[in-house]
Amino acid sequence: MKIKLLLSTVFIFSTLSIVAQGVIDFENTTTFEYLTIDTTNHNNIWQIGKPDKTLFNSAYSVPNVIITDTVLPYPINNNSDFVVQAIYFGSYNLFLNFQYKINTDSLFDYGKIYASSNHGLTWVDITNDTLPANLHWCISNGPVLCPGTLNLPLTGTSAGWYEFSFWSAGANILSTITYKDTILFRFAFHSDSIQNNKEGWMIDNIEFGNYEGIQEFINVRSNLDVYPNPAGNRIRILNNDWKGDVLLSFYNLQGQLLFSYLTRQPENELDISGLANGIYTIKATSNNKIRIGKFIKE
């Protein structure tokens, strides 16, 4: 199992334990084991590949995405699904993050996300305007949208890449079902009978896993920057919001802590020549806040 500690949001926390299962970036094919496109539906238009449309012409992390057809506009009267499988660790809570672009006929053609904790027997709409207790979602990068702002969040046309974040907290409808091993997330696209030649829905960098101990989740972009990325022998870590002591912790792809150190500097340069090539995560802890960054060592 490929495990990464990858989050692009900021958590305010008391004690934080993240058990992150993975990220599907559509370049690493080993992560495809977590994703299933419904091939029993012969009209399913979800495809994995390089986008080649007018608006959808580049991935968030190049070259590949999952998209409602890599070349053609979406057809009328279409219902297409794919499912992401997340391992569930009993008392832990859940998170799901992904980057997306959308170009649809507002309110008539749209995306939805459903979650199931009983192997697909029943589904909960987690993009609903009103959610069951302790389930939450928000959209950032563009205008911040949360439940109560609109009934269909995944519709219309996005101005660039937006980020969708879902998380659960405490006892909720997804944590009290008999099945305790798996949560399924179903991404569904729907179009009506009017042809508008729009480009549909494009998704990249799907991150999912479990966490515990978080008292409050605030959807704010992290300003922990790591560059250059990919890197050779040295990296710089920048965070202008640091106050006082900051603990920098470095993790490998398996989520193992490699080393950590304290700093008071807003910019740190680090020799990484001793690290093997691969993907690494940096966790910065300061003033009861945690920020996450990642880099690739080549």
Foldseek 3Di string as FASTA:
>chain_A
DWFADDDFFKFQFDDKDFGWRDKCFLPPCVQCVQKFWPVVPVLAQWDWDAAVEDVRHDGPPDGIWTFSHRYFARAAFDKTKMKGKAWFDAQWKKKKKWKKWFAADPPAKFKWKWKDQPVPPDTATLLALDHWPQKWKWKDPPDIDTRPPDGGPGDHGDPPMMMIMIIGADDTPNNPDPRGTIMMMMMMIGHHHDDDRIGGMIIGTMIMGTMDRGPDTDGDGFPWDWDDAQDEFKIKTADPPADDKKKKWKAFRNRDTDDIDIDRDRMDMDGRNVDDFAKMKIWIDHPSMIRIDIGTYD
